[in-house]
Amino acid sequence: IAKEIADMVPDKRIKVEIKPDGQMPMEEARTKSKSYCTFNLRAFFNLARVSSYSGVDLWNYSTSEGSSIRKAFDWMVPFALGKKTWTFKQIEPYSWGEMFELFRRASIEF
């Protein structure tokens, strides 16, 4: 059953939630968009890790349009490093340090 669920992630989650450039518009539309984009990316990283136990490689999966977990991570990196300014709504304080664990895991998986 785990493999069946993992096999659904590309069409039910990645294709729907991540644009080909890596943006996550459903999360960007929220009032705490940095928080939700980070949370969503963390959830995708967790899905990729757990799916790998079933032989499903979500780390390297890309839709035919180019959407992928890697693209979402790469899209967030310039903001986390202060090279780009976040232009979406964020109504409470947020620390880009919340991305630290994702950088560590990305360095292993990508």
PDB file of N, CA and C in Angstrom:
ATOM      1  N   ILE A   1       0.825  -1.200   0.000  1.00  0.00           N
ATOM      2  CA  ILE A   1       0.000   0.000   0.000  1.00  0.00           C
ATOM      3  C   ILE A   1       0.871   1.267   0.000  1.00  0.00           C
ATOM      4  N   ALA A   2       2.020   1.197   0.652  1.00  0.00           N
ATOM      5  CA  ALA A   2       2.911   2.362   0.678  1.00  0.00           C
ATOM      6  C   ALA A   2       3.358   2.740  -0.727  1.00  0.00           C
ATOM      7  N   LYS A   3       3.678   1.738  -1.540  1.00  0.00           N
ATOM      8  CA  LYS A   3       4.101   2.001  -2.913  1.00  0.00           C
ATOM      9  C   LYS A   3       2.963   2.606  -3.724  1.00  0.00           C
ATOM     10  N   GLU A   4       1.732   2.131  -3.513  1.00  0.00           N
ATOM     11  CA  GLU A   4       0.581   2.687  -4.219  1.00  0.00           C
ATOM     12  C   GLU A   4       0.419   4.174  -3.900  1.00  0.00           C
ATOM     13  N   ILE A   5       0.572   4.528  -2.642  1.00  0.00           N
ATOM     14  CA  ILE A   5       0.456   5.936  -2.231  1.00  0.00           C
ATOM     15  C   ILE A   5       1.598   6.743  -2.828  1.00  0.00           C
ATOM     16  N   ALA A   6       2.817   6.214  -2.744  1.00  0.00           N
ATOM     17  CA  ALA A   6       3.979   6.922  -3.294  1.00  0.00           C
ATOM     18  C   ALA A   6       3.836   7.130  -4.798  1.00  0.00           C
ATOM     19  N   ASP A   7       3.269   6.158  -5.478  1.00  0.00           N
ATOM     20  CA  ASP A   7       3.080   6.271  -6.933  1.00  0.00           C
ATOM     21  C   ASP A   7       2.077   7.353  -7.312  1.00  0.00           C
ATOM     22  N   MET A   8       1.202   7.753  -6.390  1.00  0.00           N
ATOM     23  CA  MET A   8       0.207   8.790  -6.664  1.00  0.00           C
ATOM     24  C   MET A   8       0.769  10.203  -6.487  1.00  0.00           C
ATOM     25  N   VAL A   9       1.858  10.337  -5.760  1.00  0.00           N
ATOM     26  CA  VAL A   9       2.398  11.661  -5.432  1.00  0.00           C
ATOM     27  C   VAL A   9       2.698  12.519  -6.667  1.00  0.00           C
ATOM     28  N   PRO A  10       3.329  11.972  -7.702  1.00  0.00           N
ATOM     29  CA  PRO A  10       3.633  12.832  -8.851  1.00  0.00           C
ATOM     30  C   PRO A  10       2.408  13.523  -9.451  1.00  0.00           C
ATOM     31  N   ASP A  11       1.339  12.774  -9.719  1.00  0.00           N
ATOM     32  CA  ASP A  11       0.158  13.369 -10.346  1.00  0.00           C
ATOM     33  C   ASP A  11      -0.743  14.112  -9.372  1.00  0.00           C
ATOM     34  N   LYS A  12      -0.833  13.618  -8.147  1.00  0.00           N
ATOM     35  CA  LYS A  12      -1.763  14.212  -7.184  1.00  0.00           C
ATOM     36  C   LYS A  12      -1.153  15.366  -6.395  1.00  0.00           C
ATOM     37  N   ARG A  13       0.163  15.434  -6.308  1.00  0.00           N
ATOM     38  CA  ARG A  13       0.801  16.469  -5.491  1.00  0.00           C
ATOM     39  C   ARG A  13       1.796  17.327  -6.274  1.00  0.00           C
ATOM     40  N   ILE A  14       2.821  16.714  -6.829  1.00  0.00           N
ATOM     41  CA  ILE A  14       3.867  17.506  -7.490  1.00  0.00           C
ATOM     42  C   ILE A  14       3.289  18.291  -8.662  1.00  0.00           C
ATOM     43  N   LYS A  15       2.554  17.614  -9.529  1.00  0.00           N
ATOM     44  CA  LYS A  15       1.987  18.277 -10.711  1.00  0.00           C
ATOM     45  C   LYS A  15       1.018  19.391 -10.333  1.00  0.00           C
ATOM     46  N   VAL A  16       0.288  19.210  -9.244  1.00  0.00           N
ATOM     47  CA  VAL A  16      -0.733  20.166  -8.813  1.00  0.00           C
ATOM     48  C   VAL A  16      -0.136  21.322  -8.002  1.00  0.00           C
ATOM     49  N   GLU A  17       0.834  21.041  -7.149  1.00  0.00           N
ATOM     50  CA  GLU A  17       1.305  22.032  -6.185  1.00  0.00           C
ATOM     51  C   GLU A  17       2.577  22.779  -6.571  1.00  0.00           C
ATOM     52  N   ILE A  18       3.347  22.247  -7.522  1.00  0.00           N
ATOM     53  CA  ILE A  18       4.613  22.889  -7.901  1.00  0.00           C
ATOM     54  C   ILE A  18       4.571  23.246  -9.381  1.00  0.00           C
ATOM     55  N   LYS A  19       4.840  24.501  -9.694  1.00  0.00           N
ATOM     56  CA  LYS A  19       4.896  24.951 -11.079  1.00  0.00           C
ATOM     57  C   LYS A  19       6.244  24.554 -11.686  1.00  0.00           C
ATOM     58  N   PRO A  20       6.349  24.549 -13.015  1.00  0.00           N
ATOM     59  CA  PRO A  20       7.610  24.162 -13.650  1.00  0.00           C
ATOM     60  C   PRO A  20       8.819  24.998 -13.215  1.00  0.00           C
ATOM     61  N   ASP A  21       8.590  26.243 -12.794  1.00  0.00           N
ATOM     62  CA  ASP A  21       9.720  27.072 -12.327  1.00  0.00           C
ATOM     63  C   ASP A  21      10.005  26.867 -10.842  1.00  0.00           C
ATOM     64  N   GLY A  22       9.198  26.033 -10.181  1.00  0.00           N
ATOM     65  CA  GLY A  22       9.403  25.740  -8.769  1.00  0.00           C
ATOM     66  C   GLY A  22       8.481  26.482  -7.821  1.00  0.00           C
ATOM     67  N   GLN A  23       7.768  27.466  -8.315  1.00  0.00           N
ATOM     68  CA  GLN A  23       6.865  28.208  -7.432  1.00  0.00           C
ATOM     69  C   GLN A  23       5.749  27.302  -6.924  1.00  0.00           C
ATOM     70  N   MET A  24       5.247  27.662  -5.747  1.00  0.00           N
ATOM     71  CA  MET A  24       4.155  26.926  -5.115  1.00  0.00           C
ATOM     72  C   MET A  24       3.006  27.902  -4.883  1.00  0.00           C
ATOM     73  N   PRO A  25       2.219  28.202  -5.928  1.00  0.00           N
ATOM     74  CA  PRO A  25       1.214  29.278  -5.853  1.00  0.00           C
ATOM     75  C   PRO A  25       0.155  29.123  -4.778  1.00  0.00           C
ATOM     76  N   MET A  26      -0.229  27.894  -4.449  1.00  0.00           N
ATOM     77  CA  MET A  26      -1.242  27.735  -3.390  1.00  0.00           C
ATOM     78  C   MET A  26      -0.695  28.197  -2.050  1.00  0.00           C
ATOM     79  N   GLU A  27       0.596  27.996  -1.830  1.00  0.00           N
ATOM     80  CA  GLU A  27       1.216  28.431  -0.573  1.00  0.00           C
ATOM     81  C   GLU A  27       1.543  29.921  -0.620  1.00  0.00           C
ATOM     82  N   GLU A  28       1.939  30.413  -1.771  1.00  0.00           N
ATOM     83  CA  GLU A  28       2.272  31.835  -1.925  1.00  0.00           C
ATOM     84  C   GLU A  28       1.053  32.727  -1.726  1.00  0.00           C
ATOM     85  N   ALA A  29      -0.136  32.183  -1.948  1.00  0.00           N
ATOM     86  CA  ALA A  29      -1.372  32.956  -1.806  1.00  0.00           C
ATOM     87  C   ALA A  29      -1.798  33.117  -0.344  1.00  0.00           C
ATOM     88  N   ARG A  30      -1.178  32.406   0.551  1.00  0.00           N
ATOM     89  CA  ARG A  30      -1.551  32.458   1.968  1.00  0.00           C
ATOM     90  C   ARG A  30      -0.961  33.693   2.654  1.00  0.00           C
ATOM     91  N   THR A  31      -1.485  34.009   3.840  1.00  0.00           N
ATOM     92  CA  THR A  31      -1.005  35.184   4.571  1.00  0.00           C
ATOM     93  C   THR A  31       0.338  34.948   5.250  1.00  0.00           C
ATOM     94  N   LYS A  32       0.732  33.697   5.394  1.00  0.00           N
ATOM     95  CA  LYS A  32       2.045  33.343   5.948  1.00  0.00           C
ATOM     96  C   LYS A  32       2.781  32.511   4.894  1.00  0.00           C
ATOM     97  N   SER A  33       2.992  33.121   3.749  1.00  0.00           N
ATOM     98  CA  SER A  33       3.470  32.381   2.583  1.00  0.00           C
ATOM     99  C   SER A  33       4.868  31.784   2.752  1.00  0.00           C
ATOM    100  N   LYS A  34       5.781  32.485   3.399  1.00  0.00           N
ATOM    101  CA  LYS A  34       7.120  31.901   3.628  1.00  0.00           C
ATOM    102  C   LYS A  34       6.994  30.637   4.478  1.00  0.00           C
ATOM    103  N   SER A  35       6.216  30.739   5.522  1.00  0.00           N
ATOM    104  CA  SER A  35       6.022  29.606   6.427  1.00  0.00           C
ATOM    105  C   SER A  35       5.415  28.421   5.693  1.00  0.00           C
ATOM    106  N   TYR A  36       4.384  28.687   4.902  1.00  0.00           N
ATOM    107  CA  TYR A  36       3.698  27.598   4.209  1.00  0.00           C
ATOM    108  C   TYR A  36       4.535  27.019   3.074  1.00  0.00           C
ATOM    109  N   CYS A  37       5.276  27.851   2.355  1.00  0.00           N
ATOM    110  CA  CYS A  37       6.155  27.327   1.303  1.00  0.00           C
ATOM    111  C   CYS A  37       7.219  26.420   1.917  1.00  0.00           C
ATOM    112  N   THR A  38       7.773  26.838   3.035  1.00  0.00           N
ATOM    113  CA  THR A  38       8.776  26.015   3.714  1.00  0.00           C
ATOM    114  C   THR A  38       8.160  24.724   4.225  1.00  0.00           C
ATOM    115  N   PHE A  39       6.982  24.824   4.838  1.00  0.00           N
ATOM    116  CA  PHE A  39       6.287  23.632   5.343  1.00  0.00           C
ATOM    117  C   PHE A  39       5.984  22.662   4.202  1.00  0.00           C
ATOM    118  N   ASN A  40       5.485  23.183   3.089  1.00  0.00           N
ATOM    119  CA  ASN A  40       5.145  22.351   1.938  1.00  0.00           C
ATOM    120  C   ASN A  40       6.388  21.648   1.385  1.00  0.00           C
ATOM    121  N   LEU A  41       7.478  22.391   1.288  1.00  0.00           N
ATOM    122  CA  LEU A  41       8.718  21.805   0.800  1.00  0.00           C
ATOM    123  C   LEU A  41       9.221  20.726   1.760  1.00  0.00           C
ATOM    124  N   ARG A  42       9.118  20.988   3.062  1.00  0.00           N
ATOM    125  CA  ARG A  42       9.514  19.989   4.062  1.00  0.00           C
ATOM    126  C   ARG A  42       8.655  18.724   3.910  1.00  0.00           C
ATOM    127  N   ALA A  43       7.370  18.903   3.670  1.00  0.00           N
ATOM    128  CA  ALA A  43       6.481  17.758   3.478  1.00  0.00           C
ATOM    129  C   ALA A  43       6.873  16.968   2.224  1.00  0.00           C
ATOM    130  N   PHE A  44       7.226  17.665   1.157  1.00  0.00           N
ATOM    131  CA  PHE A  44       7.678  16.968  -0.050  1.00  0.00           C
ATOM    132  C   PHE A  44       8.986  16.216   0.197  1.00  0.00           C
ATOM    133  N   PHE A  45       9.888  16.816   0.941  1.00  0.00           N
ATOM    134  CA  PHE A  45      11.138  16.125   1.278  1.00  0.00           C
ATOM    135  C   PHE A  45      10.832  14.850   2.077  1.00  0.00           C
ATOM    136  N   ASN A  46       9.912  14.954   3.033  1.00  0.00           N
ATOM    137  CA  ASN A  46       9.537  13.774   3.830  1.00  0.00           C
ATOM    138  C   ASN A  46       8.883  12.704   2.959  1.00  0.00           C
ATOM    139  N   LEU A  47       8.009  13.121   2.048  1.00  0.00           N
ATOM    140  CA  LEU A  47       7.382  12.177   1.126  1.00  0.00           C
ATOM    141  C   LEU A  47       8.432  11.473   0.266  1.00  0.00           C
ATOM    142  N   ALA A  48       9.394  12.242  -0.222  1.00  0.00           N
ATOM    143  CA  ALA A  48      10.449  11.664  -1.065  1.00  0.00           C
ATOM    144  C   ALA A  48      11.267  10.638  -0.282  1.00  0.00           C
ATOM    145  N   ARG A  49      11.593  10.979   0.960  1.00  0.00           N
ATOM    146  CA  ARG A  49      12.382  10.055   1.781  1.00  0.00           C
ATOM    147  C   ARG A  49      11.615   8.771   2.047  1.00  0.00           C
ATOM    148  N   VAL A  50      10.378   8.897   2.477  1.00  0.00           N
ATOM    149  CA  VAL A  50       9.562   7.722   2.796  1.00  0.00           C
ATOM    150  C   VAL A  50       9.266   6.912   1.524  1.00  0.00           C
ATOM    151  N   SER A  51       8.997   7.580   0.421  1.00  0.00           N
ATOM    152  CA  SER A  51       8.709   6.882  -0.840  1.00  0.00           C
ATOM    153  C   SER A  51       9.900   6.078  -1.325  1.00  0.00           C
ATOM    154  N   SER A  52      11.094   6.538  -1.011  1.00  0.00           N
ATOM    155  CA  SER A  52      12.295   5.819  -1.455  1.00  0.00           C
ATOM    156  C   SER A  52      12.346   4.413  -0.844  1.00  0.00           C
ATOM    157  N   TYR A  53      11.748   4.223   0.332  1.00  0.00           N
ATOM    158  CA  TYR A  53      11.721   2.906   0.962  1.00  0.00           C
ATOM    159  C   TYR A  53      10.870   1.917   0.158  1.00  0.00           C
ATOM    160  N   SER A  54       9.967   2.459  -0.665  1.00  0.00           N
ATOM    161  CA  SER A  54       9.112   1.623  -1.516  1.00  0.00           C
ATOM    162  C   SER A  54       9.649   1.530  -2.935  1.00  0.00           C
ATOM    163  N   GLY A  55      10.827   2.093  -3.156  1.00  0.00           N
ATOM    164  CA  GLY A  55      11.421   2.043  -4.486  1.00  0.00           C
ATOM    165  C   GLY A  55      10.936   3.124  -5.427  1.00  0.00           C
ATOM    166  N   VAL A  56      10.261   4.142  -4.891  1.00  0.00           N
ATOM    167  CA  VAL A  56       9.769   5.254  -5.712  1.00  0.00           C
ATOM    168  C   VAL A  56      10.705   6.447  -5.507  1.00  0.00           C
ATOM    169  N   ASP A  57      11.313   6.927  -6.585  1.00  0.00           N
ATOM    170  CA  ASP A  57      12.291   8.014  -6.515  1.00  0.00           C
ATOM    171  C   ASP A  57      11.638   9.358  -6.822  1.00  0.00           C
ATOM    172  N   LEU A  58      11.147  10.017  -5.785  1.00  0.00           N
ATOM    173  CA  LEU A  58      10.560  11.351  -5.962  1.00  0.00           C
ATOM    174  C   LEU A  58      11.628  12.440  -5.966  1.00  0.00           C
ATOM    175  N   TRP A  59      12.805  12.143  -5.440  1.00  0.00           N
ATOM    176  CA  TRP A  59      13.890  13.135  -5.429  1.00  0.00           C
ATOM    177  C   TRP A  59      14.238  13.575  -6.844  1.00  0.00           C
ATOM    178  N   ASN A  60      14.227  12.647  -7.764  1.00  0.00           N
ATOM    179  CA  ASN A  60      14.631  12.928  -9.145  1.00  0.00           C
ATOM    180  C   ASN A  60      13.465  12.963 -10.117  1.00  0.00           C
ATOM    181  N   TYR A  61      12.250  12.859  -9.607  1.00  0.00           N
ATOM    182  CA  TYR A  61      11.071  12.880 -10.474  1.00  0.00           C
ATOM    183  C   TYR A  61      10.823  14.294 -11.000  1.00  0.00           C
ATOM    184  N   SER A  62      10.420  14.377 -12.255  1.00  0.00           N
ATOM    185  CA  SER A  62      10.042  15.644 -12.870  1.00  0.00           C
ATOM    186  C   SER A  62       8.835  15.382 -13.767  1.00  0.00           C
ATOM    187  N   THR A  63       7.830  16.254 -13.700  1.00  0.00           N
ATOM    188  CA  THR A  63       6.677  16.105 -14.585  1.00  0.00           C
ATOM    189  C   THR A  63       7.115  16.414 -16.011  1.00  0.00           C
ATOM    190  N   SER A  64       6.260  16.116 -16.966  1.00  0.00           N
ATOM    191  CA  SER A  64       6.585  16.423 -18.361  1.00  0.00           C
ATOM    192  C   SER A  64       6.740  17.930 -18.576  1.00  0.00           C
ATOM    193  N   GLU A  65       6.118  18.725 -17.705  1.00  0.00           N
ATOM    194  CA  GLU A  65       6.241  20.180 -17.779  1.00  0.00           C
ATOM    195  C   GLU A  65       7.498  20.691 -17.064  1.00  0.00           C
ATOM    196  N   GLY A  66       8.095  19.847 -16.231  1.00  0.00           N
ATOM    197  CA  GLY A  66       9.316  20.225 -15.524  1.00  0.00           C
ATOM    198  C   GLY A  66       9.155  20.487 -14.038  1.00  0.00           C
ATOM    199  N   SER A  67       7.973  20.298 -13.491  1.00  0.00           N
ATOM    200  CA  SER A  67       7.758  20.491 -12.053  1.00  0.00           C
ATOM    201  C   SER A  67       8.451  19.386 -11.271  1.00  0.00           C
ATOM    202  N   SER A  68       9.097  19.758 -10.171  1.00  0.00           N
ATOM    203  CA  SER A  68       9.785  18.759  -9.350  1.00  0.00           C
ATOM    204  C   SER A  68      10.048  19.316  -7.959  1.00  0.00           C
ATOM    205  N   ILE A  69      10.357  18.417  -7.059  1.00  0.00           N
ATOM    206  CA  ILE A  69      10.735  18.834  -5.706  1.00  0.00           C
ATOM    207  C   ILE A  69      12.017  19.653  -5.780  1.00  0.00           C
ATOM    208  N   ARG A  70      12.943  19.225  -6.602  1.00  0.00           N
ATOM    209  CA  ARG A  70      14.208  19.951  -6.765  1.00  0.00           C
ATOM    210  C   ARG A  70      13.964  21.380  -7.243  1.00  0.00           C
ATOM    211  N   LYS A  71      13.053  21.554  -8.205  1.00  0.00           N
ATOM    212  CA  LYS A  71      12.752  22.900  -8.711  1.00  0.00           C
ATOM    213  C   LYS A  71      12.168  23.771  -7.600  1.00  0.00           C
ATOM    214  N   ALA A  72      11.305  23.193  -6.755  1.00  0.00           N
ATOM    215  CA  ALA A  72      10.727  23.962  -5.649  1.00  0.00           C
ATOM    216  C   ALA A  72      11.819  24.391  -4.677  1.00  0.00           C
ATOM    217  N   PHE A  73      12.726  23.477  -4.377  1.00  0.00           N
ATOM    218  CA  PHE A  73      13.842  23.814  -3.492  1.00  0.00           C
ATOM    219  C   PHE A  73      14.701  24.912  -4.128  1.00  0.00           C
ATOM    220  N   ASP A  74      15.078  24.723  -5.383  1.00  0.00           N
ATOM    221  CA  ASP A  74      15.927  25.703  -6.071  1.00  0.00           C
ATOM    222  C   ASP A  74      15.261  27.072  -6.147  1.00  0.00           C
ATOM    223  N   TRP A  75      13.930  27.086  -6.266  1.00  0.00           N
ATOM    224  CA  TRP A  75      13.213  28.361  -6.325  1.00  0.00           C
ATOM    225  C   TRP A  75      13.292  29.095  -4.976  1.00  0.00           C
ATOM    226  N   MET A  76      13.292  28.350  -3.883  1.00  0.00           N
ATOM    227  CA  MET A  76      13.337  28.957  -2.544  1.00  0.00           C
ATOM    228  C   MET A  76      14.736  29.431  -2.139  1.00  0.00           C
ATOM    229  N   VAL A  77      15.775  28.805  -2.660  1.00  0.00           N
ATOM    230  CA  VAL A  77      17.149  29.081  -2.226  1.00  0.00           C
ATOM    231  C   VAL A  77      17.537  30.562  -2.287  1.00  0.00           C
ATOM    232  N   PRO A  78      17.331  31.277  -3.391  1.00  0.00           N
ATOM    233  CA  PRO A  78      17.775  32.687  -3.419  1.00  0.00           C
ATOM    234  C   PRO A  78      17.109  33.556  -2.350  1.00  0.00           C
ATOM    235  N   PHE A  79      15.880  33.224  -1.991  1.00  0.00           N
ATOM    236  CA  PHE A  79      15.196  33.964  -0.929  1.00  0.00           C
ATOM    237  C   PHE A  79      15.844  33.660   0.417  1.00  0.00           C
ATOM    238  N   ALA A  80      16.102  32.381   0.665  1.00  0.00           N
ATOM    239  CA  ALA A  80      16.704  31.961   1.936  1.00  0.00           C
ATOM    240  C   ALA A  80      18.096  32.549   2.111  1.00  0.00           C
ATOM    241  N   LEU A  81      18.825  32.732   1.012  1.00  0.00           N
ATOM    242  CA  LEU A  81      20.185  33.290   1.076  1.00  0.00           C
ATOM    243  C   LEU A  81      20.210  34.816   1.015  1.00  0.00           C
ATOM    244  N   GLY A  82      19.038  35.433   0.920  1.00  0.00           N
ATOM    245  CA  GLY A  82      18.958  36.893   0.889  1.00  0.00           C
ATOM    246  C   GLY A  82      19.322  37.496  -0.455  1.00  0.00           C
ATOM    247  N   LYS A  83      19.345  36.696  -1.511  1.00  0.00           N
ATOM    248  CA  LYS A  83      19.684  37.198  -2.841  1.00  0.00           C
ATOM    249  C   LYS A  83      18.468  37.724  -3.585  1.00  0.00           C
ATOM    250  N   LYS A  84      17.286  37.356  -3.126  1.00  0.00           N
ATOM    251  CA  LYS A  84      16.028  37.849  -3.689  1.00  0.00           C
ATOM    252  C   LYS A  84      15.122  38.250  -2.530  1.00  0.00           C
ATOM    253  N   THR A  85      14.273  39.221  -2.785  1.00  0.00           N
ATOM    254  CA  THR A  85      13.338  39.696  -1.772  1.00  0.00           C
ATOM    255  C   THR A  85      11.998  38.994  -1.940  1.00  0.00           C
ATOM    256  N   TRP A  86      11.475  38.479  -0.833  1.00  0.00           N
ATOM    257  CA  TRP A  86      10.179  37.806  -0.835  1.00  0.00           C
ATOM    258  C   TRP A  86       9.096  38.851  -1.048  1.00  0.00           C
ATOM    259  N   THR A  87       8.259  38.683  -2.050  1.00  0.00           N
ATOM    260  CA  THR A  87       7.234  39.682  -2.367  1.00  0.00           C
ATOM    261  C   THR A  87       5.823  39.217  -2.014  1.00  0.00           C
ATOM    262  N   PHE A  88       5.717  38.038  -1.435  1.00  0.00           N
ATOM    263  CA  PHE A  88       4.412  37.511  -1.067  1.00  0.00           C
ATOM    264  C   PHE A  88       4.109  37.861   0.388  1.00  0.00           C
ATOM    265  N   LYS A  89       2.850  37.775   0.761  1.00  0.00           N
ATOM    266  CA  LYS A  89       2.420  38.173   2.101  1.00  0.00           C
ATOM    267  C   LYS A  89       2.992  37.254   3.180  1.00  0.00           C
ATOM    268  N   GLN A  90       3.458  37.874   4.262  1.00  0.00           N
ATOM    269  CA  GLN A  90       3.942  37.148   5.442  1.00  0.00           C
ATOM    270  C   GLN A  90       3.598  38.014   6.645  1.00  0.00           C
ATOM    271  N   ILE A  91       2.534  37.643   7.359  1.00  0.00           N
ATOM    272  CA  ILE A  91       1.995  38.516   8.410  1.00  0.00           C
ATOM    273  C   ILE A  91       2.634  38.316   9.777  1.00  0.00           C
ATOM    274  N   GLU A  92       3.528  37.357   9.910  1.00  0.00           N
ATOM    275  CA  GLU A  92       4.209  37.172  11.188  1.00  0.00           C
ATOM    276  C   GLU A  92       5.689  36.908  10.942  1.00  0.00           C
ATOM    277  N   PRO A  93       6.507  37.110  11.954  1.00  0.00           N
ATOM    278  CA  PRO A  93       7.950  36.911  11.773  1.00  0.00           C
ATOM    279  C   PRO A  93       8.278  35.494  11.287  1.00  0.00           C
ATOM    280  N   TYR A  94       9.308  35.433  10.500  1.00  0.00           N
ATOM    281  CA  TYR A  94       9.760  34.162   9.928  1.00  0.00           C
ATOM    282  C   TYR A  94      11.277  34.196   9.831  1.00  0.00           C
ATOM    283  N   SER A  95      11.900  33.099  10.146  1.00  0.00           N
ATOM    284  CA  SER A  95      13.357  32.997  10.025  1.00  0.00           C
ATOM    285  C   SER A  95      13.689  32.025   8.907  1.00  0.00           C
ATOM    286  N   TRP A  96      14.512  32.474   7.973  1.00  0.00           N
ATOM    287  CA  TRP A  96      14.940  31.579   6.903  1.00  0.00           C
ATOM    288  C   TRP A  96      15.763  30.422   7.457  1.00  0.00           C
ATOM    289  N   GLY A  97      16.157  30.503   8.723  1.00  0.00           N
ATOM    290  CA  GLY A  97      16.843  29.396   9.372  1.00  0.00           C
ATOM    291  C   GLY A  97      16.004  28.125   9.370  1.00  0.00           C
ATOM    292  N   GLU A  98      14.685  28.273   9.192  1.00  0.00           N
ATOM    293  CA  GLU A  98      13.806  27.108   9.102  1.00  0.00           C
ATOM    294  C   GLU A  98      14.138  26.245   7.888  1.00  0.00           C
ATOM    295  N   MET A  99      14.894  26.814   6.954  1.00  0.00           N
ATOM    296  CA  MET A  99      15.286  26.069   5.753  1.00  0.00           C
ATOM    297  C   MET A  99      16.568  25.266   5.972  1.00  0.00           C
ATOM    298  N   PHE A 100      17.229  25.457   7.117  1.00  0.00           N
ATOM    299  CA  PHE A 100      18.529  24.822   7.334  1.00  0.00           C
ATOM    300  C   PHE A 100      18.489  23.311   7.117  1.00  0.00           C
ATOM    301  N   GLU A 101      17.518  22.650   7.722  1.00  0.00           N
ATOM    302  CA  GLU A 101      17.421  21.196   7.591  1.00  0.00           C
ATOM    303  C   GLU A 101      17.185  20.799   6.130  1.00  0.00           C
ATOM    304  N   LEU A 102      16.427  21.610   5.395  1.00  0.00           N
ATOM    305  CA  LEU A 102      16.182  21.298   3.986  1.00  0.00           C
ATOM    306  C   LEU A 102      17.461  21.440   3.165  1.00  0.00           C
ATOM    307  N   PHE A 103      18.301  22.432   3.501  1.00  0.00           N
ATOM    308  CA  PHE A 103      19.590  22.562   2.823  1.00  0.00           C
ATOM    309  C   PHE A 103      20.448  21.331   3.090  1.00  0.00           C
ATOM    310  N   ARG A 104      20.446  20.862   4.319  1.00  0.00           N
ATOM    311  CA  ARG A 104      21.241  19.676   4.672  1.00  0.00           C
ATOM    312  C   ARG A 104      20.755  18.449   3.891  1.00  0.00           C
ATOM    313  N   ARG A 105      19.456  18.252   3.892  1.00  0.00           N
ATOM    314  CA  ARG A 105      18.916  17.091   3.191  1.00  0.00           C
ATOM    315  C   ARG A 105      19.104  17.217   1.682  1.00  0.00           C
ATOM    316  N   ALA A 106      18.976  18.406   1.146  1.00  0.00           N
ATOM    317  CA  ALA A 106      19.182  18.608  -0.294  1.00  0.00           C
ATOM    318  C   ALA A 106      20.617  18.300  -0.681  1.00  0.00           C
ATOM    319  N   SER A 107      21.561  18.639   0.188  1.00  0.00           N
ATOM    320  CA  SER A 107      22.968  18.375  -0.120  1.00  0.00           C
ATOM    321  C   SER A 107      23.249  16.869  -0.232  1.00  0.00           C
ATOM    322  N   ILE A 108      22.440  16.076   0.419  1.00  0.00           N
ATOM    323  CA  ILE A 108      22.597  14.614   0.357  1.00  0.00           C
ATOM    324  C   ILE A 108      21.848  14.055  -0.863  1.00  0.00           C
ATOM    325  N   GLU A 109      20.638  14.514  -1.075  1.00  0.00           N
ATOM    326  CA  GLU A 109      19.776  13.921  -2.107  1.00  0.00           C
ATOM    327  C   GLU A 109      20.012  14.459  -3.512  1.00  0.00           C
ATOM    328  N   PHE A 110      20.400  15.721  -3.610  1.00  0.00           N
ATOM    329  CA  PHE A 110      20.594  16.328  -4.924  1.00  0.00           C
ATOM    330  C   PHE A 110      22.067  16.435  -5.246  1.00  0.00           C
TER     331      PHE A 110
END
